[in-house]
Amino acid sequence: MERRKTRRVRRAGASAVALALLFAGTAAIASARGDGHEVGEGGARVPGASSADAGFARGMAVHHQQAVEMSFIVRDRTDDEDVRRLAYDIANTQANQRGMLLGRLDLWELPKVAPGGEGPMAWMAGTGGHEHGGHGSGGAEGASGTDGVLMAGMASRSELKRLGRLDGEQAEVFFLQLMTDHHKGGVAMAEACASLCSVPVEQRLARGMVEGQQSELGLMRDMLAEREAVPRP
């Protein structure tokens, strides 16, 4: 009973963070000027196509899309109320954040694909031309040999297929393990943006993602323990 109470408290905290992120993202988009040259209350210049701001927006949009996909998969593989509720929260939050990120690229009039064949994690190196902590070489076409893993923490195509074949507690455990890896990769990306990005609203969104996903990491660790399982090494 105490463990379930703790889990409810964690979930309530994660939901509150998610709502705060949605309001912050809406305000961020609303504050962008319509002239295509300046954004944010500080009047900062629009970042370049190879900037950390643009790289983070592109990369995290892809990262979030897979989290939404995994959440929908597990929803149909288990009847457990807690796992289904967590999956719904993740899908709802990350789908909305993905819309914000793509919206910023539209406001900046920047491409949604990395320029010049850059990898999706190149922006994290601060050089605009080298990978940092990820897999693949940018875009699905460049992912041969990586089983579709483009960025740190992302599940492979084989793992997604396996999740779709499992049922009940096996599906719950594997989903929680995959999403734990996914969140850890997402936190690393968001922390990098908080340090490297130059647009204040983008930095604030990234810091909010770190807070929200770290809260969910604690919740998922507890849910795995209830199923006598642990995060993957």
C-alpha atoms as a PDB file:
ATOM      1  CA  MET A   1       0.000   0.000   0.000  1.00  0.00           C
ATOM      2  CA  GLU A   2       2.823   2.400   0.898  1.00  0.00           C
ATOM      3  CA  ARG A   3       4.590   1.630  -2.399  1.00  0.00           C
ATOM      4  CA  ARG A   4       1.411   2.359  -4.378  1.00  0.00           C
ATOM      5  CA  LYS A   5       0.978   5.622  -2.458  1.00  0.00           C
ATOM      6  CA  THR A   6       4.560   6.605  -3.287  1.00  0.00           C
ATOM      7  CA  ARG A   7       3.960   5.740  -6.917  1.00  0.00           C
ATOM      8  CA  ARG A   8       0.842   7.915  -7.017  1.00  0.00           C
ATOM      9  CA  VAL A   9       2.785  10.809  -5.514  1.00  0.00           C
ATOM     10  CA  ARG A  10       5.545  10.380  -8.104  1.00  0.00           C
ATOM     11  CA  ARG A  11       2.982  10.246 -10.904  1.00  0.00           C
ATOM     12  CA  ALA A  12       1.233  13.357  -9.635  1.00  0.00           C
ATOM     13  CA  GLY A  13       4.570  15.173  -9.591  1.00  0.00           C
ATOM     14  CA  ALA A  14       5.425  14.011 -13.099  1.00  0.00           C
ATOM     15  CA  SER A  15       2.009  15.115 -14.370  1.00  0.00           C
ATOM     16  CA  ALA A  16       2.435  18.537 -12.787  1.00  0.00           C
ATOM     17  CA  VAL A  17       5.815  18.924 -14.511  1.00  0.00           C
ATOM     18  CA  ALA A  18       4.267  17.859 -17.815  1.00  0.00           C
ATOM     19  CA  LEU A  19       1.526  20.486 -17.527  1.00  0.00           C
ATOM     20  CA  ALA A  20       4.078  23.160 -16.688  1.00  0.00           C
ATOM     21  CA  LEU A  21       6.090  22.198 -19.771  1.00  0.00           C
ATOM     22  CA  LEU A  22       3.040  22.441 -22.008  1.00  0.00           C
ATOM     23  CA  PHE A  23       2.184  25.940 -20.754  1.00  0.00           C
ATOM     24  CA  ALA A  24       5.810  27.029 -21.041  1.00  0.00           C
ATOM     25  CA  GLY A  25       6.055  25.709 -24.592  1.00  0.00           C
ATOM     26  CA  THR A  26       2.852  27.474 -25.628  1.00  0.00           C
ATOM     27  CA  ALA A  27       4.121  30.733 -24.179  1.00  0.00           C
ATOM     28  CA  ALA A  28       7.467  30.251 -25.935  1.00  0.00           C
ATOM     29  CA  ILE A  29       5.825  29.874 -29.329  1.00  0.00           C
ATOM     30  CA  ALA A  30       3.516  32.798 -28.676  1.00  0.00           C
ATOM     31  CA  SER A  31       6.486  35.033 -27.817  1.00  0.00           C
ATOM     32  CA  ALA A  32       8.265  34.419 -31.138  1.00  0.00           C
ATOM     33  CA  ARG A  33       8.123  37.367 -33.498  1.00  0.00           C
ATOM     34  CA  GLY A  34       6.524  36.896 -36.862  1.00  0.00           C
ATOM     35  CA  ASP A  35       9.209  38.643 -38.899  1.00  0.00           C
ATOM     36  CA  GLY A  36      11.354  35.488 -39.164  1.00  0.00           C
ATOM     37  CA  HIS A  37      14.453  37.259 -37.825  1.00  0.00           C
ATOM     38  CA  GLU A  38      14.210  37.383 -34.052  1.00  0.00           C
ATOM     39  CA  VAL A  39      12.709  35.139 -31.382  1.00  0.00           C
ATOM     40  CA  GLY A  40      12.046  35.315 -27.664  1.00  0.00           C
ATOM     41  CA  GLU A  41      11.755  38.183 -25.274  1.00  0.00           C
ATOM     42  CA  GLY A  42      15.499  38.818 -25.444  1.00  0.00           C
ATOM     43  CA  GLY A  43      15.460  39.516 -29.188  1.00  0.00           C
ATOM     44  CA  ALA A  44      18.084  36.842 -29.917  1.00  0.00           C
ATOM     45  CA  ARG A  45      18.862  36.195 -33.559  1.00  0.00           C
ATOM     46  CA  VAL A  46      17.380  33.103 -35.169  1.00  0.00           C
ATOM     47  CA  PRO A  47      19.847  30.216 -34.716  1.00  0.00           C
ATOM     48  CA  GLY A  48      21.561  28.696 -37.723  1.00  0.00           C
ATOM     49  CA  ALA A  49      20.744  25.343 -39.278  1.00  0.00           C
ATOM     50  CA  SER A  50      23.792  23.727 -37.632  1.00  0.00           C
ATOM     51  CA  SER A  51      23.261  25.340 -34.235  1.00  0.00           C
ATOM     52  CA  ALA A  52      22.663  23.473 -30.991  1.00  0.00           C
ATOM     53  CA  ASP A  53      19.152  24.950 -30.840  1.00  0.00           C
ATOM     54  CA  ALA A  54      18.202  23.567 -34.242  1.00  0.00           C
ATOM     55  CA  GLY A  55      19.988  20.256 -33.665  1.00  0.00           C
ATOM     56  CA  PHE A  56      18.240  19.744 -30.358  1.00  0.00           C
ATOM     57  CA  ALA A  57      14.835  20.540 -31.841  1.00  0.00           C
ATOM     58  CA  ARG A  58      15.355  18.117 -34.739  1.00  0.00           C
ATOM     59  CA  GLY A  59      16.905  15.333 -32.691  1.00  0.00           C
ATOM     60  CA  MET A  60      14.529  15.479 -29.749  1.00  0.00           C
ATOM     61  CA  ALA A  61      11.521  15.514 -32.093  1.00  0.00           C
ATOM     62  CA  VAL A  62      12.685  12.175 -33.520  1.00  0.00           C
ATOM     63  CA  HIS A  63      13.544  10.861 -30.047  1.00  0.00           C
ATOM     64  CA  HIS A  64      10.106  11.813 -28.725  1.00  0.00           C
ATOM     65  CA  GLN A  65       8.330  10.210 -31.668  1.00  0.00           C
ATOM     66  CA  GLN A  66       9.746   6.811 -30.730  1.00  0.00           C
ATOM     67  CA  ALA A  67       8.643   7.237 -27.104  1.00  0.00           C
ATOM     68  CA  VAL A  68       5.109   7.877 -28.361  1.00  0.00           C
ATOM     69  CA  GLU A  69       5.323   4.773 -30.563  1.00  0.00           C
ATOM     70  CA  MET A  70       6.496   2.547 -27.695  1.00  0.00           C
ATOM     71  CA  SER A  71       3.746   3.884 -25.441  1.00  0.00           C
ATOM     72  CA  PHE A  72       1.059   2.971 -27.960  1.00  0.00           C
ATOM     73  CA  ILE A  73       2.557  -0.494 -28.411  1.00  0.00           C
ATOM     74  CA  VAL A  74       2.515  -1.358 -24.703  1.00  0.00           C
ATOM     75  CA  ARG A  75      -0.976   0.060 -24.293  1.00  0.00           C
ATOM     76  CA  ASP A  76      -2.239  -2.794 -26.451  1.00  0.00           C
ATOM     77  CA  ARG A  77      -0.062  -5.460 -24.811  1.00  0.00           C
ATOM     78  CA  THR A  78      -1.142  -5.145 -21.163  1.00  0.00           C
ATOM     79  CA  ASP A  79      -4.215  -4.530 -19.047  1.00  0.00           C
ATOM     80  CA  ASP A  80      -2.200  -3.128 -16.130  1.00  0.00           C
ATOM     81  CA  GLU A  81      -3.750   0.205 -15.195  1.00  0.00           C
ATOM     82  CA  ASP A  82      -0.542   1.783 -13.890  1.00  0.00           C
ATOM     83  CA  VAL A  83       1.542   0.933 -16.969  1.00  0.00           C
ATOM     84  CA  ARG A  84      -1.213   2.045 -19.329  1.00  0.00           C
ATOM     85  CA  ARG A  85      -1.574   5.335 -17.441  1.00  0.00           C
ATOM     86  CA  LEU A  86       2.184   5.938 -17.536  1.00  0.00           C
ATOM     87  CA  ALA A  87       2.237   5.154 -21.264  1.00  0.00           C
ATOM     88  CA  TYR A  88      -0.607   7.618 -21.839  1.00  0.00           C
ATOM     89  CA  ASP A  89       1.182  10.349 -19.855  1.00  0.00           C
ATOM     90  CA  ILE A  90       4.418   9.823 -21.797  1.00  0.00           C
ATOM     91  CA  ALA A  91       2.674   9.732 -25.176  1.00  0.00           C
ATOM     92  CA  ASN A  92       0.627  12.852 -24.433  1.00  0.00           C
ATOM     93  CA  THR A  93       3.518  14.889 -23.013  1.00  0.00           C
ATOM     94  CA  GLN A  94       6.082  13.947 -25.629  1.00  0.00           C
ATOM     95  CA  ALA A  95       3.702  14.343 -28.570  1.00  0.00           C
ATOM     96  CA  ASN A  96       2.948  17.888 -27.402  1.00  0.00           C
ATOM     97  CA  GLN A  97       6.630  18.683 -26.843  1.00  0.00           C
ATOM     98  CA  ARG A  98       7.436  17.289 -30.278  1.00  0.00           C
ATOM     99  CA  GLY A  99       4.925  19.695 -31.762  1.00  0.00           C
ATOM    100  CA  MET A 100       6.593  22.587 -29.937  1.00  0.00           C
ATOM    101  CA  LEU A 101      10.039  21.598 -31.211  1.00  0.00           C
ATOM    102  CA  LEU A 102       8.894  21.273 -34.813  1.00  0.00           C
ATOM    103  CA  GLY A 103       6.998  24.536 -34.425  1.00  0.00           C
ATOM    104  CA  ARG A 104      10.170  26.323 -33.442  1.00  0.00           C
ATOM    105  CA  LEU A 105      11.950  25.007 -36.540  1.00  0.00           C
ATOM    106  CA  ASP A 106       9.080  26.353 -38.634  1.00  0.00           C
ATOM    107  CA  LEU A 107       9.287  29.745 -36.906  1.00  0.00           C
ATOM    108  CA  TRP A 108      13.023  29.851 -37.530  1.00  0.00           C
ATOM    109  CA  GLU A 109      12.451  28.695 -41.136  1.00  0.00           C
ATOM    110  CA  LEU A 110      15.001  25.927 -40.640  1.00  0.00           C
ATOM    111  CA  PRO A 111      14.975  22.428 -42.186  1.00  0.00           C
ATOM    112  CA  LYS A 112      13.747  19.488 -40.133  1.00  0.00           C
ATOM    113  CA  VAL A 113      16.635  17.374 -41.471  1.00  0.00           C
ATOM    114  CA  ALA A 114      20.249  18.055 -40.497  1.00  0.00           C
ATOM    115  CA  PRO A 115      22.113  19.917 -43.258  1.00  0.00           C
ATOM    116  CA  GLY A 116      25.058  18.489 -45.129  1.00  0.00           C
ATOM    117  CA  GLY A 117      24.621  14.921 -43.918  1.00  0.00           C
ATOM    118  CA  GLU A 118      25.376  15.810 -40.305  1.00  0.00           C
ATOM    119  CA  GLY A 119      24.468  13.160 -37.761  1.00  0.00           C
ATOM    120  CA  PRO A 120      21.516  13.834 -35.440  1.00  0.00           C
ATOM    121  CA  MET A 121      23.854  14.134 -32.439  1.00  0.00           C
ATOM    122  CA  ALA A 122      26.516  16.326 -34.081  1.00  0.00           C
ATOM    123  CA  TRP A 123      25.235  19.453 -32.342  1.00  0.00           C
ATOM    124  CA  MET A 124      26.146  17.972 -28.939  1.00  0.00           C
ATOM    125  CA  ALA A 125      29.832  18.045 -29.836  1.00  0.00           C
ATOM    126  CA  GLY A 126      29.647  21.799 -30.322  1.00  0.00           C
ATOM    127  CA  THR A 127      31.509  21.509 -33.632  1.00  0.00           C
ATOM    128  CA  GLY A 128      28.627  20.973 -36.050  1.00  0.00           C
ATOM    129  CA  GLY A 129      30.390  18.053 -37.637  1.00  0.00           C
ATOM    130  CA  HIS A 130      31.002  15.182 -35.220  1.00  0.00           C
ATOM    131  CA  GLU A 131      28.862  12.594 -33.497  1.00  0.00           C
ATOM    132  CA  HIS A 132      28.533  12.646 -29.750  1.00  0.00           C
ATOM    133  CA  GLY A 133      27.109   9.792 -27.772  1.00  0.00           C
ATOM    134  CA  GLY A 134      24.739   8.510 -30.443  1.00  0.00           C
ATOM    135  CA  HIS A 135      24.435   5.882 -33.104  1.00  0.00           C
ATOM    136  CA  GLY A 136      23.947   6.076 -36.835  1.00  0.00           C
ATOM    137  CA  SER A 137      24.800   8.873 -39.202  1.00  0.00           C
ATOM    138  CA  GLY A 138      21.652  10.917 -39.508  1.00  0.00           C
ATOM    139  CA  GLY A 139      18.381   9.947 -41.121  1.00  0.00           C
ATOM    140  CA  ALA A 140      16.916   6.518 -41.622  1.00  0.00           C
ATOM    141  CA  GLU A 141      18.926   6.012 -44.785  1.00  0.00           C
ATOM    142  CA  GLY A 142      22.186   6.334 -42.839  1.00  0.00           C
ATOM    143  CA  ALA A 143      21.184   3.879 -40.133  1.00  0.00           C
ATOM    144  CA  SER A 144      22.340   0.678 -41.825  1.00  0.00           C
ATOM    145  CA  GLY A 145      24.137  -1.574 -39.361  1.00  0.00           C
ATOM    146  CA  THR A 146      22.555   0.128 -36.347  1.00  0.00           C
ATOM    147  CA  ASP A 147      19.145  -1.576 -36.547  1.00  0.00           C
ATOM    148  CA  GLY A 148      17.481   1.820 -36.709  1.00  0.00           C
ATOM    149  CA  VAL A 149      19.135   3.272 -33.601  1.00  0.00           C
ATOM    150  CA  LEU A 150      19.821   6.919 -34.473  1.00  0.00           C
ATOM    151  CA  MET A 151      20.443   8.453 -31.053  1.00  0.00           C
ATOM    152  CA  ALA A 152      21.453   7.521 -27.520  1.00  0.00           C
ATOM    153  CA  GLY A 153      18.772   5.616 -25.645  1.00  0.00           C
ATOM    154  CA  MET A 154      16.612   4.829 -28.660  1.00  0.00           C
ATOM    155  CA  ALA A 155      15.278   1.303 -29.077  1.00  0.00           C
ATOM    156  CA  SER A 156      16.244  -0.704 -32.130  1.00  0.00           C
ATOM    157  CA  ARG A 157      13.782  -1.982 -34.695  1.00  0.00           C
ATOM    158  CA  SER A 158      14.301  -5.508 -33.331  1.00  0.00           C
ATOM    159  CA  GLU A 159      13.465  -4.353 -29.813  1.00  0.00           C
ATOM    160  CA  LEU A 160      10.290  -2.619 -30.975  1.00  0.00           C
ATOM    161  CA  LYS A 161       9.192  -5.793 -32.767  1.00  0.00           C
ATOM    162  CA  ARG A 162       9.904  -7.833 -29.632  1.00  0.00           C
ATOM    163  CA  LEU A 163       7.850  -5.434 -27.504  1.00  0.00           C
ATOM    164  CA  GLY A 164       4.967  -5.907 -29.933  1.00  0.00           C
ATOM    165  CA  ARG A 165       5.111  -9.682 -29.467  1.00  0.00           C
ATOM    166  CA  LEU A 166       5.133  -9.739 -25.653  1.00  0.00           C
ATOM    167  CA  ASP A 167       2.081  -9.736 -23.403  1.00  0.00           C
ATOM    168  CA  GLY A 168       1.217  -8.962 -19.797  1.00  0.00           C
ATOM    169  CA  GLU A 169       4.008  -8.555 -17.287  1.00  0.00           C
ATOM    170  CA  GLN A 170       6.702  -9.442 -19.823  1.00  0.00           C
ATOM    171  CA  ALA A 171       5.571  -6.546 -22.010  1.00  0.00           C
ATOM    172  CA  GLU A 172       5.385  -4.253 -18.976  1.00  0.00           C
ATOM    173  CA  VAL A 173       8.940  -5.042 -17.856  1.00  0.00           C
ATOM    174  CA  PHE A 174      10.432  -4.714 -21.323  1.00  0.00           C
ATOM    175  CA  PHE A 175       8.598  -1.438 -21.946  1.00  0.00           C
ATOM    176  CA  LEU A 176       9.816  -0.013 -18.621  1.00  0.00           C
ATOM    177  CA  GLN A 177      13.387  -1.084 -19.412  1.00  0.00           C
ATOM    178  CA  LEU A 178      13.281   0.362 -22.932  1.00  0.00           C
ATOM    179  CA  MET A 179      11.707   3.601 -21.746  1.00  0.00           C
ATOM    180  CA  THR A 180      14.254   3.917 -18.946  1.00  0.00           C
ATOM    181  CA  ASP A 181      17.055   3.729 -21.529  1.00  0.00           C
ATOM    182  CA  HIS A 182      15.116   6.157 -23.727  1.00  0.00           C
ATOM    183  CA  HIS A 183      14.657   8.700 -20.927  1.00  0.00           C
ATOM    184  CA  LYS A 184      18.331   8.505 -19.959  1.00  0.00           C
ATOM    185  CA  GLY A 185      19.288   9.346 -23.545  1.00  0.00           C
ATOM    186  CA  GLY A 186      16.709  12.139 -23.612  1.00  0.00           C
ATOM    187  CA  VAL A 187      17.978  13.626 -20.353  1.00  0.00           C
ATOM    188  CA  ALA A 188      21.533  13.690 -21.725  1.00  0.00           C
ATOM    189  CA  MET A 189      20.331  15.535 -24.834  1.00  0.00           C
ATOM    190  CA  ALA A 190      18.266  18.015 -22.832  1.00  0.00           C
ATOM    191  CA  GLU A 191      21.145  18.705 -20.450  1.00  0.00           C
ATOM    192  CA  ALA A 192      23.379  19.390 -23.453  1.00  0.00           C
ATOM    193  CA  CYS A 193      20.853  21.870 -24.831  1.00  0.00           C
ATOM    194  CA  ALA A 194      20.589  23.602 -21.453  1.00  0.00           C
ATOM    195  CA  SER A 195      24.348  24.216 -21.728  1.00  0.00           C
ATOM    196  CA  LEU A 196      24.815  24.737 -25.479  1.00  0.00           C
ATOM    197  CA  CYS A 197      21.583  26.251 -26.784  1.00  0.00           C
ATOM    198  CA  SER A 198      21.450  30.035 -27.144  1.00  0.00           C
ATOM    199  CA  VAL A 199      17.692  30.702 -27.287  1.00  0.00           C
ATOM    200  CA  PRO A 200      16.377  31.198 -23.721  1.00  0.00           C
ATOM    201  CA  VAL A 201      13.000  29.564 -24.333  1.00  0.00           C
ATOM    202  CA  GLU A 202      14.732  26.513 -25.797  1.00  0.00           C
ATOM    203  CA  GLN A 203      16.981  26.257 -22.747  1.00  0.00           C
ATOM    204  CA  ARG A 204      13.989  26.496 -20.420  1.00  0.00           C
ATOM    205  CA  LEU A 205      12.118  23.796 -22.333  1.00  0.00           C
ATOM    206  CA  ALA A 206      15.199  21.548 -22.143  1.00  0.00           C
ATOM    207  CA  ARG A 207      15.564  22.069 -18.394  1.00  0.00           C
ATOM    208  CA  GLY A 208      11.887  21.219 -17.948  1.00  0.00           C
ATOM    209  CA  MET A 209      12.393  18.005 -19.922  1.00  0.00           C
ATOM    210  CA  VAL A 210      15.259  17.027 -17.634  1.00  0.00           C
ATOM    211  CA  GLU A 211      13.096  17.536 -14.559  1.00  0.00           C
ATOM    212  CA  GLY A 212      10.092  15.702 -15.979  1.00  0.00           C
ATOM    213  CA  GLN A 213      11.996  12.708 -17.329  1.00  0.00           C
ATOM    214  CA  GLN A 214      14.089  12.295 -14.196  1.00  0.00           C
ATOM    215  CA  SER A 215      10.864  12.129 -12.193  1.00  0.00           C
ATOM    216  CA  GLU A 216       9.540   9.434 -14.513  1.00  0.00           C
ATOM    217  CA  LEU A 217      12.828   7.529 -14.254  1.00  0.00           C
ATOM    218  CA  GLY A 218      12.274   7.214 -10.512  1.00  0.00           C
ATOM    219  CA  LEU A 219       8.694   6.074 -11.069  1.00  0.00           C
ATOM    220  CA  MET A 220       9.760   3.443 -13.616  1.00  0.00           C
ATOM    221  CA  ARG A 221      12.492   2.155 -11.321  1.00  0.00           C
ATOM    222  CA  ASP A 222       9.842   1.563  -8.634  1.00  0.00           C
ATOM    223  CA  MET A 223       7.489  -0.098 -11.111  1.00  0.00           C
ATOM    224  CA  LEU A 224      10.244  -2.452 -12.244  1.00  0.00           C
ATOM    225  CA  ALA A 225      11.033  -3.336  -8.618  1.00  0.00           C
ATOM    226  CA  GLU A 226       7.381  -4.246  -8.063  1.00  0.00           C
ATOM    227  CA  ARG A 227       7.777  -6.735 -10.909  1.00  0.00           C
ATOM    228  CA  GLU A 228      11.048  -8.052  -9.468  1.00  0.00           C
ATOM    229  CA  ALA A 229      13.017  -6.528 -12.331  1.00  0.00           C
ATOM    230  CA  VAL A 230      15.636  -3.814 -12.724  1.00  0.00           C
ATOM    231  CA  PRO A 231      16.741  -1.372 -15.454  1.00  0.00           C
ATOM    232  CA  ARG A 232      19.067  -2.853 -18.049  1.00  0.00           C
ATOM    233  CA  PRO A 233      22.827  -2.336 -17.528  1.00  0.00           C
END
